[in-house]
Each structure stands twice: as structure tokens, then as C-alpha cells.
Amino acid sequence: TSTFVDTVEVRVVNVDVVVLDLDGRPVTGLAREDFVLTVDGRPVELSNFAAYDEAATLRASLEAISAPPAEGAPGSPALAAPPSTWIVYVDQSNVQPGPRGELARSVSDFLASSLRTGDRSMVATFDGKSLKFLSSLSEDRAPALAALAKLQRRAGFPSGLLGRASQIQAGIASLDPGSRGASSQVEILRYEIERLDEDLALRQRAAFQALRDLLSLVAGVEGRVALIYGGGGFESDPVGNLYRMLEAKLTGRFNPGLDPRRERDLLAAQNRVDYERLLTEVNASRVTVYSVFAGEGRAPGLSAEFGGSPEASGPSLSLEGREADTSLAAFATATGGRSFVSAPDLGEQLETAQRDFASYYSLGYHPVVSDPGGFHDLKVTVRREGVRVLHRRGVQERTAEQVAGNAATEALIAAAPPKNPFGAVIRVGEVTKAKLGRAMRVPVRVLVPLRAVTLLPAGAAHHASLSYHFTLRDPDGGYRRLEPRPLAFDVPGEKLAAALDQRFSFEIVLELEPGAYQLAAAVVDTLGGATSVATVGFEASKRR
């Protein structure tokens, strides 16, 4: 028989905090009362507190063997830091092959030597066009190391845009302002610069979207997530130097004509707005960014630790000064990470990132119940002199729909089997050709045992309410989420006993281009609050 189930959701938001002394060493032994957490400027009570420090945990274990700990010892007992996830993301849009190879080699050394037992890793990249996953999420480091090795071997420009910029620069250098055809050459150069400016803006927006897609796809990964983000950064006025070179070449020789500054200012302003929005989204994500600047302008012989200070803070995109490197640093600052520059000792300097994930404090608080999905500013202070605090600057609470969609996506990204407490099964039916074009019709059924879900008495029947969230991986490695689908039904009381031994089904029909696909379905019991995920691979082609 069914019984009434009353569920009370108690949500807790955790804020991970790294506390350092003035020499950059972790400060251990702090207690709950040493921290003050404010949300949107208002202090909140800490409902949960944990201190993680692997070194302290090992030391405590050795001391426990020889002698019991002294009573009344200050601070809180430290716990072993749980396994974490390391995502390597290489934005190739503004990085030359040489620096890209150096970056990949250093990060590969770090992953090979520094990841702990249970840590997971994966590699993704933006190739100038779209987001690509080069390895799946796995505790096995081999796929990630193989993907980084492939990035090291790749030759040529990441896109033709850098080559076009070099050609324009060469054209300006060879320009003779006093020659007979100089006027025509100048107009051609200006036209090429304008077109390059527009194309760079389009590629920058594509890079922004790729990062948004990455953050969305990894939002369901459990535990702490580190994003090692290597790239050349972003600039609001990427062709400014070309215009200045051209104008300097023409100074005093003849009237350079219409000043294109107004049009460029508008484009640069839009670039700044797009970047500010992205910075807010990165801040609201659950990842901790460790940025690595691998673009132009790095001094020879520079150590990677030059940018590793926790005080590094990147301003918004502006027209003054070098902004590509600071635009990446801002992502690190907003999420409680650190910023580095790509250098031969990068692998060694990334050890500070591993230390941040081994020695930290977790502060939990109950969010405002009426505001799921809202963004909130965070600030953590420590009641101790001479310390620095690293933590994310904001948090955005996820709705139940977002959590379910994230669970389906993570099931496709990760190499391990998904959590499937309901015992859900996906069945793919007979594939047929669609009426128009090359598309194939693929019927898909999700089967769930009735006894696995919550049934609430409703008069003479028992009521069930579920929602289905689907994520599809395309043949080219891209991911897309389908619209959530609700399902509610009643089971008559006299038929309940027999129905409990059966499975109910939910069917969708996909129209897909021919190829190999993977599908994940997250089934959410909206009454009981539980989620179950199943996956299946199939070929969208007509069986012969």
C-alpha cells in the first residue's frame, strides 16, 4: 500500500574559501566563529562548516596512533579534501601554435604529476568556430593527456584572422605615402582593417558563447570544479594598433580622410558589454578559474608565478592599456582562483591550484527560499590579522529544472555510469526515414518501474508527477538539450497492487541527421525530489 510522503526541501549553498598568510601559505586551524559571510551585504548564519586539509588529516592520523589529541585544541578538526574535477579549456582563437604547445605541455605535466586519487579530468577547446570536447570526464588521466599531446602537435594558425592581421601590418610597413598610388592603397588597407575588425568581433562573440556552453555543460558535475583556462584573452578594440600604425605612417604626408573612430567606438563598446555579461556568468558558475595567459606580449624568461598572485584582478575591457591578459585574470578573481602566464615553469606553479583544492574551508548557508535562480553577491571576511581570502564573488542558485538538465548532460560527459536509483531504461525503436530531407525519425521510450516513484493518495487514486530532461550528443561531438517534458498520471486504488510490478513509459520521437548519437534522460520525481539518469547510444540510420 502507498503512504503519504511529506517532503521538506532544505537547500544549502556552500561557499569554498581559501585562507592564506602574507607569504601565500594556507592558514589552517580556523573555526566557524572565525568567518563572517555576507550575502548581498547582509550577514548570514552559517548552517554548515567544514575544514579540509590533507596534510593536517595525515598528521592527525599519525598522532592518533601515538597519543590522543589534547582536549580543548583550538580550531576544528580538518578533513581530507574530497576528490575534485579538473577541466582544461584551451581557447585557441588568439594563441599561436608555439605558445599553445607550451601551454599544453605544462598543463599535461601538472595533470600527470599532481592529480590525487579520485580526481577527474577532461580537455575541451574552442577552435575558433565552436566548442569541442577532446576527452571525456574520467578518473583515468590517459585520455586527457592524449588530448593535450594532440594539441601540442597541431600546426598552423588557429584561424586565418591572425594571418590577415600580419598581412595588413606588412602592407602598412611597405606603404610609401608619397607614391602615386598611395591613396588607393590606404583605402584598401582601411577597408581590410574594418572587415578584420568585424570578423574579430564575430569570433570573439563565438568564443564567449563557447565558454557559456562549457559552463552550462559542466554545471552538473558534483564537487569542486577547477577550470584551467588557457588563451590569449579578449580585447575591446583588437585592431586599434593597426589603425594607429596606419595613421602614424600618414602623418604629415596627406589628409588621411574620414576618421573611423566613431564606428570603432561603437563596436568596442559592444565588445565591452558582451564581456561584462560573460564575466557575470562566469562569476555565477560553480567553477574556480585558474587562468593562463598565452597570448602576445609575454616577456621572455618570465615565470608563470608572475600572474599567480591571489590579488590579481582584471578590469573590464577598456581602450587604455594592455587588456587581453587582464581580461582572463578577471575570470580568476571573480571565482576565487588565480591567474598565471604561460611559461616553462607553469606546471610547477599550478601546484598552488592543487593546494587551494586540498586546504580550504567550506561555509554553508540557507538561501532565501523565495528566490531560486537569483544571483547574489558574496563576501567572506576572517577575524584574524594578516590573512588573505580567496572565494567566489557571487552565486546563482540553480532551479530544480536546471539541476535535472545538468544531470543528464553530465551523464554524457563523464565516462562513469550515471546514478540511476529508479532503474530507468531507454529503448530505441525502429528508425525510419522522415518525409523530407535526409533526416531520420528515431522513436525513444523511457521505462521506469512504478514502485520506484512517489505516489500520493488523491481520492480513490494515487497521483504521480514527473519531468523528463534529455541531452543529446551529436556525431560531431556537440551537445544539445531538449525542452523538458512533464508527465502526470493517476493510478486507480483497486489497480495499484498490480501496477506496482509494472513499468510505465514515456515516448519521444527525434528527427536527426544520419550518424551516431548518444542520449541521456534524467527522470525527476517532482513529488519525492529524486532524480534518475539513464543513457543509450544509437545509430540514426535505417536498419537493413
Protein backbone atom coordinates (compact mmCIF):
# COMPACT_ATOMS: atom_id res chain seq x y z
CA THR A 1 0.00 0.00 0.00
CA SER A 2 1.04 3.58 -0.58
CA THR A 3 1.61 6.02 2.22
CA PHE A 4 1.57 9.80 2.14
CA VAL A 5 5.05 11.26 1.77
CA ASP A 6 5.67 14.77 3.03
CA THR A 7 8.90 16.23 1.65
CA VAL A 8 10.60 19.33 3.03
CA GLU A 9 13.40 20.72 0.89
CA VAL A 10 16.29 22.20 2.88
CA ARG A 11 18.61 23.96 0.48
CA VAL A 12 22.18 24.77 1.41
CA VAL A 13 24.58 26.91 -0.62
CA ASN A 14 28.26 26.16 0.00
CA VAL A 15 30.98 28.78 -0.39
CA ASP A 16 34.53 27.40 -0.59
CA VAL A 17 37.15 29.67 0.96
CA VAL A 18 40.96 29.58 0.77
CA VAL A 19 42.75 31.48 3.55
CA LEU A 20 46.42 32.42 3.04
CA ASP A 21 49.01 34.16 5.19
CA LEU A 22 51.06 37.04 3.83
CA ASP A 23 53.62 34.58 2.43
CA GLY A 24 50.93 32.72 0.48
CA ARG A 25 50.82 29.65 2.74
CA PRO A 26 47.45 28.09 3.72
CA VAL A 27 46.14 29.12 7.12
CA THR A 28 44.75 26.08 8.94
CA GLY A 29 43.02 25.53 12.26
CA LEU A 30 40.29 28.15 11.84
CA ALA A 31 36.84 27.56 13.30
CA ARG A 32 33.30 28.53 12.32
CA GLU A 33 33.34 31.65 14.53
CA ASP A 34 36.42 32.98 12.67
CA PHE A 35 34.37 33.60 9.50
CA VAL A 36 31.79 36.22 8.55
CA LEU A 37 29.78 35.58 5.36
CA THR A 38 27.62 38.33 3.87
CA VAL A 39 25.13 37.81 1.04
CA ASP A 40 24.13 40.97 -0.80
CA GLY A 41 25.70 42.94 2.05
CA ARG A 42 23.76 41.19 4.85
CA PRO A 43 25.46 38.77 7.30
CA VAL A 44 24.03 35.24 7.21
CA GLU A 45 24.22 32.44 9.75
CA LEU A 46 26.50 29.56 8.84
CA SER A 47 24.42 26.39 8.85
CA ASN A 48 27.35 24.18 7.78
CA PHE A 49 31.09 24.40 8.30
CA ALA A 50 33.95 22.11 7.27
CA ALA A 51 37.73 22.49 7.23
CA TYR A 52 39.68 20.49 4.64
CA ASP A 53 43.43 19.93 4.80
CA GLU A 54 45.02 16.71 3.62
CA ALA A 55 48.32 17.44 5.37
CA ALA A 56 46.54 18.08 8.66
CA THR A 57 44.45 14.94 8.20
CA LEU A 58 47.55 12.81 7.70
CA ARG A 59 49.23 14.43 10.68
CA ALA A 60 46.16 13.84 12.86
CA SER A 61 46.05 10.19 11.80
CA LEU A 62 49.69 9.69 12.83
CA GLU A 63 49.11 11.48 16.14
CA ALA A 64 46.04 9.34 16.86
CA ILE A 65 48.21 6.23 16.62
CA SER A 66 50.78 7.51 19.12
CA ALA A 67 48.66 9.61 21.50
CA PRO A 68 45.15 11.08 21.73
CA PRO A 69 44.76 14.75 20.79
CA ALA A 70 44.81 17.31 23.57
CA GLU A 71 41.39 18.42 24.76
CA GLY A 72 40.35 21.96 24.01
CA ALA A 73 42.64 22.30 20.99
CA PRO A 74 41.78 25.44 19.01
CA GLY A 75 40.02 25.31 15.64
CA SER A 76 38.06 22.48 14.04
CA PRO A 77 39.31 19.02 13.10
CA ALA A 78 40.47 19.04 9.48
CA LEU A 79 39.02 16.57 7.00
CA ALA A 80 40.58 15.00 3.92
CA ALA A 81 39.63 17.08 0.89
CA PRO A 82 37.19 15.18 -1.33
CA PRO A 83 38.12 14.38 -4.95
CA SER A 84 37.77 17.26 -7.38
CA THR A 85 37.35 17.78 -11.11
CA TRP A 86 39.94 19.45 -13.35
CA ILE A 87 38.75 20.78 -16.69
CA VAL A 88 41.37 22.04 -19.11
CA TYR A 89 39.98 24.55 -21.59
CA VAL A 90 42.17 25.98 -24.35
CA ASP A 91 40.78 28.94 -26.30
CA GLN A 92 42.86 28.82 -29.48
CA SER A 93 41.39 31.95 -31.07
CA ASN A 94 44.22 34.29 -30.02
CA VAL A 95 47.06 31.83 -29.41
CA GLN A 96 49.86 30.96 -31.80
CA PRO A 97 50.92 27.30 -32.25
CA GLY A 98 54.16 27.72 -30.29
CA PRO A 99 52.61 29.15 -27.11
CA ARG A 100 49.70 26.72 -27.44
CA GLY A 101 52.11 23.78 -27.44
CA GLU A 102 53.99 25.19 -24.44
CA LEU A 103 50.69 25.64 -22.58
CA ALA A 104 49.50 22.11 -23.39
CA ARG A 105 52.84 20.60 -22.37
CA SER A 106 52.92 22.39 -19.00
CA VAL A 107 49.32 21.55 -18.13
CA SER A 108 49.94 17.94 -19.16
CA ASP A 109 52.89 17.75 -16.75
CA PHE A 110 50.67 19.13 -13.99
CA LEU A 111 47.87 16.64 -14.59
CA ALA A 112 50.28 13.72 -14.80
CA SER A 113 52.05 14.50 -11.53
CA SER A 114 49.63 16.37 -9.30
CA LEU A 115 46.13 14.92 -9.52
CA ARG A 116 45.07 12.93 -6.47
CA THR A 117 43.33 9.57 -6.32
CA GLY A 118 39.70 10.03 -7.28
CA ASP A 119 40.25 13.31 -9.15
CA ARG A 120 38.71 13.51 -12.61
CA SER A 121 39.93 15.43 -15.66
CA MET A 122 38.87 16.31 -19.19
CA VAL A 123 40.01 18.58 -22.03
CA ALA A 124 37.93 20.95 -24.17
CA THR A 125 38.86 23.62 -26.69
CA PHE A 126 37.47 26.46 -28.75
CA ASP A 127 38.99 26.08 -32.22
CA GLY A 128 37.90 29.50 -33.48
CA LYS A 129 34.49 28.21 -34.56
CA SER A 130 32.85 26.16 -31.82
CA LEU A 131 33.35 24.29 -28.55
CA LYS A 132 34.94 20.83 -28.89
CA PHE A 133 35.46 18.15 -26.23
CA LEU A 134 38.77 16.38 -26.79
CA SER A 135 38.38 13.87 -23.95
CA SER A 136 35.63 12.61 -21.67
CA LEU A 137 35.45 13.25 -17.93
CA SER A 138 37.29 10.39 -16.25
CA GLU A 139 39.49 9.38 -13.33
CA ASP A 140 41.80 7.86 -15.94
CA ARG A 141 44.27 10.59 -16.89
CA ALA A 142 45.30 8.94 -20.15
CA PRO A 143 42.50 10.45 -22.33
CA ALA A 144 43.22 13.99 -21.11
CA LEU A 145 46.98 13.56 -21.56
CA ALA A 146 46.44 12.20 -25.09
CA ALA A 147 44.23 15.18 -25.95
CA LEU A 148 46.86 17.64 -24.71
CA ALA A 149 49.54 15.80 -26.68
CA LYS A 150 47.40 16.24 -29.80
CA LEU A 151 47.14 19.99 -29.13
CA GLN A 152 50.93 20.18 -28.86
CA ARG A 153 51.36 18.60 -32.31
CA ARG A 154 48.81 20.75 -34.12
CA ALA A 155 50.45 23.09 -36.64
CA GLY A 156 49.39 26.30 -38.38
CA PHE A 157 47.37 29.32 -37.33
CA PRO A 158 44.29 28.62 -35.20
CA SER A 159 42.37 30.67 -37.80
CA GLY A 160 43.09 32.88 -40.80
CA LEU A 161 42.41 36.06 -38.81
CA LEU A 162 45.88 36.25 -37.28
CA GLY A 163 47.36 35.73 -40.73
CA ARG A 164 45.21 38.55 -42.13
CA ALA A 165 46.40 40.87 -39.37
CA SER A 166 50.01 40.07 -40.21
CA GLN A 167 49.38 40.76 -43.91
CA ILE A 168 47.79 44.14 -43.14
CA GLN A 169 50.71 45.03 -40.89
CA ALA A 170 53.13 44.14 -43.69
CA GLY A 171 51.09 46.26 -46.12
CA ILE A 172 51.28 49.27 -43.80
CA ALA A 173 55.03 48.81 -43.35
CA SER A 174 55.61 48.76 -47.13
CA LEU A 175 53.33 51.75 -47.82
CA ASP A 176 55.00 54.78 -49.39
CA PRO A 177 52.69 57.75 -48.59
CA GLY A 178 54.35 59.88 -51.27
CA SER A 179 53.86 57.42 -54.11
CA ARG A 180 51.30 57.90 -56.92
CA GLY A 181 49.06 55.03 -55.84
CA ALA A 182 49.25 55.67 -52.09
CA SER A 183 45.68 56.97 -51.82
CA SER A 184 44.21 53.78 -53.28
CA GLN A 185 46.46 51.63 -51.11
CA VAL A 186 45.32 53.49 -48.00
CA GLU A 187 41.66 52.95 -48.85
CA ILE A 188 42.28 49.25 -49.40
CA LEU A 189 44.13 48.96 -46.09
CA ARG A 190 41.34 50.76 -44.25
CA TYR A 191 38.76 48.51 -45.81
CA GLU A 192 40.75 45.40 -44.82
CA ILE A 193 41.12 46.69 -41.25
CA GLU A 194 37.39 47.37 -40.97
CA ARG A 195 36.50 43.91 -42.26
CA LEU A 196 39.03 42.32 -39.92
CA ASP A 197 37.55 44.29 -37.00
CA GLU A 198 34.07 42.93 -37.77
CA ASP A 199 35.31 39.37 -38.23
CA LEU A 200 37.28 39.51 -34.97
CA ALA A 201 34.17 40.73 -33.16
CA LEU A 202 32.19 37.80 -34.56
CA ARG A 203 34.87 35.34 -33.50
CA GLN A 204 35.07 36.92 -30.04
CA ARG A 205 31.31 36.51 -29.62
CA ALA A 206 31.68 32.88 -30.71
CA ALA A 207 34.43 32.44 -28.09
CA PHE A 208 32.14 33.96 -25.45
CA GLN A 209 29.35 31.57 -26.43
CA ALA A 210 31.71 28.58 -26.34
CA LEU A 211 32.66 29.42 -22.75
CA ARG A 212 28.98 29.82 -21.84
CA ASP A 213 28.26 26.42 -23.38
CA LEU A 214 31.13 24.84 -21.48
CA LEU A 215 29.95 26.27 -18.15
CA SER A 216 26.42 25.07 -18.86
CA LEU A 217 27.54 21.57 -19.78
CA VAL A 218 29.71 21.07 -16.68
CA ALA A 219 27.20 22.68 -14.28
CA GLY A 220 26.02 19.24 -13.17
CA VAL A 221 29.46 17.96 -12.18
CA GLU A 222 29.46 17.22 -8.47
CA GLY A 223 32.07 18.54 -6.05
CA ARG A 224 34.61 21.29 -6.59
CA VAL A 225 35.49 22.03 -10.21
CA ALA A 226 38.71 23.75 -11.33
CA LEU A 227 38.80 25.26 -14.82
CA ILE A 228 42.33 25.73 -16.14
CA TYR A 229 41.55 28.29 -18.81
CA GLY A 230 44.37 28.94 -21.26
CA GLY A 231 44.09 31.51 -24.01
CA GLY A 232 45.07 34.85 -25.44
CA GLY A 233 42.36 36.85 -23.70
CA PHE A 234 39.93 39.36 -25.13
CA GLU A 235 40.23 42.95 -26.34
CA SER A 236 37.52 45.51 -27.00
CA ASP A 237 39.50 47.20 -29.79
CA PRO A 238 41.67 44.45 -31.32
CA VAL A 239 42.55 46.42 -34.48
CA GLY A 240 43.42 49.65 -32.69
CA ASN A 241 47.14 49.12 -33.19
CA LEU A 242 46.65 48.65 -36.94
CA TYR A 243 44.78 51.94 -37.21
CA ARG A 244 47.45 53.70 -35.17
CA MET A 245 50.20 52.23 -37.34
CA LEU A 246 48.43 53.41 -40.48
CA GLU A 247 47.73 56.91 -39.14
CA ALA A 248 51.32 57.24 -37.94
CA LYS A 249 52.54 56.29 -41.40
CA LEU A 250 50.38 59.00 -42.95
CA THR A 251 51.08 61.82 -40.50
CA GLY A 252 52.22 64.95 -42.30
CA ARG A 253 52.00 63.44 -45.79
CA PHE A 254 48.39 63.90 -46.83
CA ASN A 255 44.84 64.09 -45.43
CA PRO A 256 44.00 60.61 -44.11
CA GLY A 257 40.30 61.17 -44.84
CA LEU A 258 37.35 60.16 -42.67
CA ASP A 259 38.28 59.18 -39.13
CA PRO A 260 36.65 55.78 -38.47
CA ARG A 261 36.90 56.24 -34.70
CA ARG A 262 33.13 56.65 -34.16
CA GLU A 263 32.29 53.31 -35.78
CA ARG A 264 35.12 51.60 -33.94
CA ASP A 265 34.00 53.08 -30.62
CA LEU A 266 30.54 51.60 -31.11
CA LEU A 267 31.96 48.15 -31.84
CA ALA A 268 34.37 48.39 -28.91
CA ALA A 269 31.53 49.43 -26.61
CA GLN A 270 29.52 46.37 -27.66
CA ASN A 271 32.55 44.18 -27.03
CA ARG A 272 32.81 45.59 -23.50
CA VAL A 273 29.11 44.94 -22.83
CA ASP A 274 29.41 41.36 -24.08
CA TYR A 275 32.44 40.79 -21.89
CA GLU A 276 30.76 42.20 -18.77
CA ARG A 277 27.83 39.83 -19.27
CA LEU A 278 30.19 36.89 -19.68
CA LEU A 279 32.14 37.88 -16.55
CA THR A 280 28.88 37.85 -14.57
CA GLU A 281 28.01 34.40 -15.92
CA VAL A 282 31.47 33.04 -15.06
CA ASN A 283 31.10 34.54 -11.58
CA ALA A 284 27.72 32.83 -11.17
CA SER A 285 29.04 29.42 -12.24
CA ARG A 286 30.30 26.78 -9.84
CA VAL A 287 33.82 26.56 -11.30
CA THR A 288 37.01 28.06 -9.91
CA VAL A 289 39.01 29.55 -12.78
CA TYR A 290 42.79 29.32 -12.97
CA SER A 291 43.57 31.46 -16.00
CA VAL A 292 46.73 31.10 -18.05
CA PHE A 293 47.56 33.93 -20.45
CA ALA A 294 49.28 32.50 -23.55
CA GLY A 295 48.81 35.43 -25.93
CA GLU A 296 51.13 38.04 -27.39
CA GLY A 297 53.13 40.34 -25.11
CA ARG A 298 54.60 37.86 -22.63
CA ALA A 299 58.14 38.82 -21.70
CA PRO A 300 60.89 36.25 -22.48
CA GLY A 301 62.03 34.28 -19.45
CA LEU A 302 59.00 35.32 -17.42
CA SER A 303 57.95 32.98 -14.63
CA ALA A 304 54.39 31.69 -14.57
CA GLU A 305 54.06 32.89 -10.98
CA PHE A 306 54.12 36.49 -12.21
CA GLY A 307 50.37 36.21 -12.61
CA GLY A 308 49.75 33.78 -9.77
CA SER A 309 49.12 36.30 -7.05
CA PRO A 310 45.71 35.93 -5.45
CA GLU A 311 45.50 39.71 -5.58
CA ALA A 312 45.49 39.69 -9.39
CA SER A 313 42.40 41.45 -10.63
CA GLY A 314 41.49 42.10 -14.23
CA PRO A 315 39.50 45.22 -15.09
CA SER A 316 36.65 45.33 -17.55
CA LEU A 317 37.65 45.67 -21.18
CA SER A 318 38.76 49.20 -21.91
CA LEU A 319 40.62 51.09 -24.59
CA GLU A 320 43.53 52.01 -22.34
CA GLY A 321 46.48 49.70 -21.86
CA ARG A 322 47.01 46.02 -22.46
CA GLU A 323 43.74 44.23 -21.66
CA ALA A 324 43.99 40.74 -23.16
CA ASP A 325 45.85 39.27 -20.17
CA THR A 326 43.81 41.13 -17.53
CA SER A 327 40.54 40.03 -19.14
CA LEU A 328 41.45 36.44 -18.31
CA ALA A 329 42.68 37.38 -14.83
CA ALA A 330 39.26 38.85 -14.08
CA PHE A 331 37.67 35.42 -14.51
CA ALA A 332 40.07 34.03 -11.91
CA THR A 333 39.46 36.87 -9.48
CA ALA A 334 35.66 36.59 -9.74
CA THR A 335 35.67 32.86 -8.94
CA GLY A 336 38.31 32.73 -6.20
CA GLY A 337 41.06 31.33 -8.42
CA ARG A 338 44.45 32.62 -9.54
CA SER A 339 45.92 33.95 -12.77
CA PHE A 340 49.13 32.80 -14.44
CA VAL A 341 51.07 33.40 -17.63
CA SER A 342 52.24 30.56 -19.82
CA ALA A 343 55.93 29.96 -19.10
CA PRO A 344 58.29 26.97 -18.79
CA ASP A 345 57.58 26.67 -15.06
CA LEU A 346 53.78 26.78 -15.41
CA GLY A 347 53.36 23.12 -14.45
CA GLU A 348 55.24 23.76 -11.22
CA GLN A 349 53.31 26.96 -10.44
CA LEU A 350 49.96 25.25 -10.99
CA GLU A 351 50.75 23.32 -7.81
CA THR A 352 49.27 26.31 -5.97
CA ALA A 353 45.94 25.48 -7.60
CA GLN A 354 46.15 21.92 -6.31
CA ARG A 355 47.00 23.27 -2.87
CA ASP A 356 43.90 25.52 -2.99
CA PHE A 357 41.82 22.40 -3.58
CA ALA A 358 43.49 20.48 -0.77
CA SER A 359 43.38 23.10 2.02
CA TYR A 360 40.22 25.17 2.26
CA TYR A 361 37.09 25.85 4.27
CA SER A 362 33.50 25.24 3.21
CA LEU A 363 30.86 27.62 4.55
CA GLY A 364 27.19 26.69 4.11
CA TYR A 365 24.11 28.85 4.49
CA HIS A 366 20.39 28.56 3.80
CA PRO A 367 19.39 30.78 0.86
CA VAL A 368 16.20 32.81 0.61
CA VAL A 369 13.51 30.25 -0.19
CA SER A 370 11.54 32.59 -2.44
CA ASP A 371 14.43 33.36 -4.77
CA PRO A 372 15.62 30.23 -6.62
CA GLY A 373 17.79 31.05 -9.60
CA GLY A 374 18.69 34.54 -8.39
CA PHE A 375 22.23 35.99 -8.41
CA HIS A 376 23.72 37.16 -5.12
CA ASP A 377 26.96 38.95 -4.20
CA LEU A 378 29.18 37.19 -1.68
CA LYS A 379 31.85 38.45 0.68
CA VAL A 380 33.84 36.48 3.24
CA THR A 381 35.99 38.05 5.95
CA VAL A 382 38.16 36.30 8.54
CA ARG A 383 38.55 37.55 12.09
CA ARG A 384 42.32 37.28 12.00
CA GLU A 385 45.05 39.77 11.13
CA GLY A 386 47.49 39.26 8.28
CA VAL A 387 45.47 36.90 6.10
CA ARG A 388 44.16 36.97 2.52
CA VAL A 389 40.93 35.32 1.49
CA LEU A 390 40.10 33.72 -1.87
CA HIS A 391 36.48 32.95 -2.67
CA ARG A 392 34.00 33.44 -5.47
CA ARG A 393 32.39 36.87 -5.62
CA GLY A 394 28.85 35.71 -6.34
CA VAL A 395 26.50 32.75 -6.51
CA GLN A 396 23.45 31.87 -8.57
CA GLU A 397 21.16 29.28 -7.10
CA ARG A 398 20.07 26.63 -9.57
CA THR A 399 16.43 25.79 -10.08
CA ALA A 400 15.22 22.17 -9.92
CA GLU A 401 14.82 22.22 -13.71
CA GLN A 402 18.43 23.33 -14.17
CA VAL A 403 19.73 20.65 -11.79
CA ALA A 404 17.90 17.92 -13.71
CA GLY A 405 19.11 19.17 -17.09
CA ASN A 406 22.65 19.35 -15.76
CA ALA A 407 22.45 15.75 -14.52
CA ALA A 408 21.53 14.50 -18.00
CA THR A 409 24.40 16.41 -19.58
CA GLU A 410 26.98 15.23 -17.05
CA ALA A 411 25.98 11.63 -17.80
CA LEU A 412 27.17 12.09 -21.39
CA ILE A 413 30.34 13.98 -20.49
CA ALA A 414 31.51 11.57 -17.80
CA ALA A 415 32.95 8.17 -18.58
CA ALA A 416 31.38 6.56 -15.48
CA PRO A 417 27.82 5.12 -15.41
CA PRO A 418 25.18 7.65 -14.26
CA LYS A 419 23.27 7.46 -10.99
CA ASN A 420 20.09 5.54 -11.74
CA PRO A 421 18.26 4.70 -8.49
CA PHE A 422 14.92 4.18 -10.28
CA GLY A 423 16.35 1.61 -12.65
CA ALA A 424 15.22 3.65 -15.67
CA VAL A 425 15.86 2.13 -19.11
CA ILE A 426 15.93 3.79 -22.55
CA ARG A 427 14.70 1.79 -25.53
CA VAL A 428 15.27 2.92 -29.12
CA GLY A 429 12.63 1.78 -31.60
CA GLU A 430 12.78 1.18 -35.35
CA VAL A 431 14.42 4.05 -37.21
CA THR A 432 12.55 5.27 -40.29
CA LYS A 433 13.17 7.97 -42.87
CA ALA A 434 11.46 11.32 -42.40
CA LYS A 435 9.19 12.63 -45.13
CA LEU A 436 11.51 15.49 -46.07
CA GLY A 437 15.29 15.74 -46.49
CA ARG A 438 17.88 13.34 -45.10
CA ALA A 439 16.51 13.30 -41.53
CA MET A 440 15.68 10.03 -39.79
CA ARG A 441 12.83 9.51 -37.31
CA VAL A 442 14.04 7.83 -34.12
CA PRO A 443 11.38 6.75 -31.56
CA VAL A 444 12.69 6.63 -27.99
CA ARG A 445 10.93 5.23 -24.92
CA VAL A 446 11.99 5.74 -21.29
CA LEU A 447 10.78 2.95 -18.98
CA VAL A 448 10.60 3.38 -15.19
CA PRO A 449 9.32 0.88 -12.57
CA LEU A 450 6.20 2.33 -10.96
CA ARG A 451 7.25 1.25 -7.47
CA ALA A 452 10.37 3.47 -7.78
CA VAL A 453 8.44 6.76 -7.80
CA THR A 454 6.40 8.61 -5.20
CA LEU A 455 2.62 8.05 -5.28
CA LEU A 456 0.37 10.37 -3.29
CA PRO A 457 -3.22 9.44 -2.36
CA ALA A 458 -5.70 11.57 -4.28
CA GLY A 459 -9.21 10.46 -3.52
CA ALA A 460 -9.76 6.98 -4.94
CA ALA A 461 -6.47 7.07 -6.86
CA HIS A 462 -2.76 7.62 -6.35
CA HIS A 463 -1.04 10.50 -8.14
CA ALA A 464 2.45 10.61 -9.72
CA SER A 465 4.21 13.63 -11.18
CA LEU A 466 7.48 13.51 -13.14
CA SER A 467 9.51 15.54 -15.59
CA TYR A 468 11.92 14.32 -18.26
CA HIS A 469 15.10 16.13 -19.29
CA PHE A 470 17.01 14.98 -22.38
CA THR A 471 20.52 15.81 -23.60
CA LEU A 472 21.76 14.62 -27.00
CA ARG A 473 25.36 14.29 -28.16
CA ASP A 474 25.68 14.75 -31.91
CA PRO A 475 28.04 12.83 -34.22
CA ASP A 476 30.37 15.86 -34.34
CA GLY A 477 30.69 15.93 -30.53
CA GLY A 478 28.30 18.81 -29.90
CA TYR A 479 25.68 18.76 -27.15
CA ARG A 480 22.11 20.00 -27.17
CA ARG A 481 19.34 19.93 -24.61
CA LEU A 482 15.72 19.27 -25.46
CA GLU A 483 12.80 21.05 -23.87
CA PRO A 484 11.75 19.45 -20.54
CA ARG A 485 8.68 17.22 -20.82
CA PRO A 486 6.23 16.82 -17.89
CA LEU A 487 4.26 13.66 -17.14
CA ALA A 488 1.49 13.31 -14.56
CA PHE A 489 -0.90 10.41 -14.14
CA ASP A 490 -3.20 8.69 -11.64
CA VAL A 491 -3.37 5.01 -10.72
CA PRO A 492 -6.80 3.80 -9.51
CA GLY A 493 -6.62 2.41 -6.00
CA GLU A 494 -8.03 -1.00 -6.95
CA LYS A 495 -5.29 -1.44 -9.60
CA LEU A 496 -2.37 -0.18 -7.52
CA ALA A 497 -1.09 -3.54 -6.24
CA ALA A 498 -0.84 -5.00 -9.74
CA ALA A 499 0.57 -1.79 -11.24
CA LEU A 500 3.48 -1.64 -8.79
CA ASP A 501 5.07 -4.61 -10.55
CA GLN A 502 4.92 -2.87 -13.93
CA ARG A 503 6.86 -0.14 -15.71
CA PHE A 504 5.36 2.99 -17.22
CA SER A 505 6.79 4.55 -20.37
CA PHE A 506 7.31 7.99 -21.83
CA GLU A 507 7.98 8.31 -25.56
CA ILE A 508 9.51 10.99 -27.75
CA VAL A 509 10.37 10.95 -31.45
CA LEU A 510 13.63 12.57 -32.60
CA GLU A 511 14.27 13.75 -36.15
CA LEU A 512 18.02 13.56 -36.70
CA GLU A 513 20.55 13.62 -39.49
CA PRO A 514 22.19 10.21 -40.08
CA GLY A 515 25.02 9.40 -37.69
CA ALA A 516 25.96 8.00 -34.28
CA TYR A 517 24.33 9.66 -31.27
CA GLN A 518 24.24 9.33 -27.50
CA LEU A 519 21.16 10.26 -25.47
CA ALA A 520 20.78 10.85 -21.73
CA ALA A 521 17.42 11.08 -19.98
CA ALA A 522 17.05 12.48 -16.46
CA VAL A 523 13.77 11.41 -14.85
CA VAL A 524 12.75 13.69 -11.98
CA ASP A 525 10.22 12.55 -9.38
CA THR A 526 8.82 16.01 -8.63
CA LEU A 527 6.87 14.75 -5.60
CA GLY A 528 9.73 12.83 -3.99
CA GLY A 529 12.53 15.09 -5.19
CA ALA A 530 14.74 12.27 -6.53
CA THR A 531 16.39 12.08 -9.96
CA SER A 532 17.45 9.07 -12.00
CA VAL A 533 19.56 9.18 -15.18
CA ALA A 534 19.90 6.63 -17.97
CA THR A 535 21.90 6.75 -21.22
CA VAL A 536 21.88 4.97 -24.55
CA GLY A 537 23.87 5.07 -27.78
CA PHE A 538 22.25 4.55 -31.16
CA GLU A 539 22.72 4.95 -34.89
CA ALA A 540 20.27 7.22 -36.70
CA SER A 541 20.12 5.10 -39.83
CA LYS A 542 17.62 2.72 -41.29
CA ARG A 543 18.37 -0.88 -40.39
CA ARG A 544 18.88 -3.22 -43.34
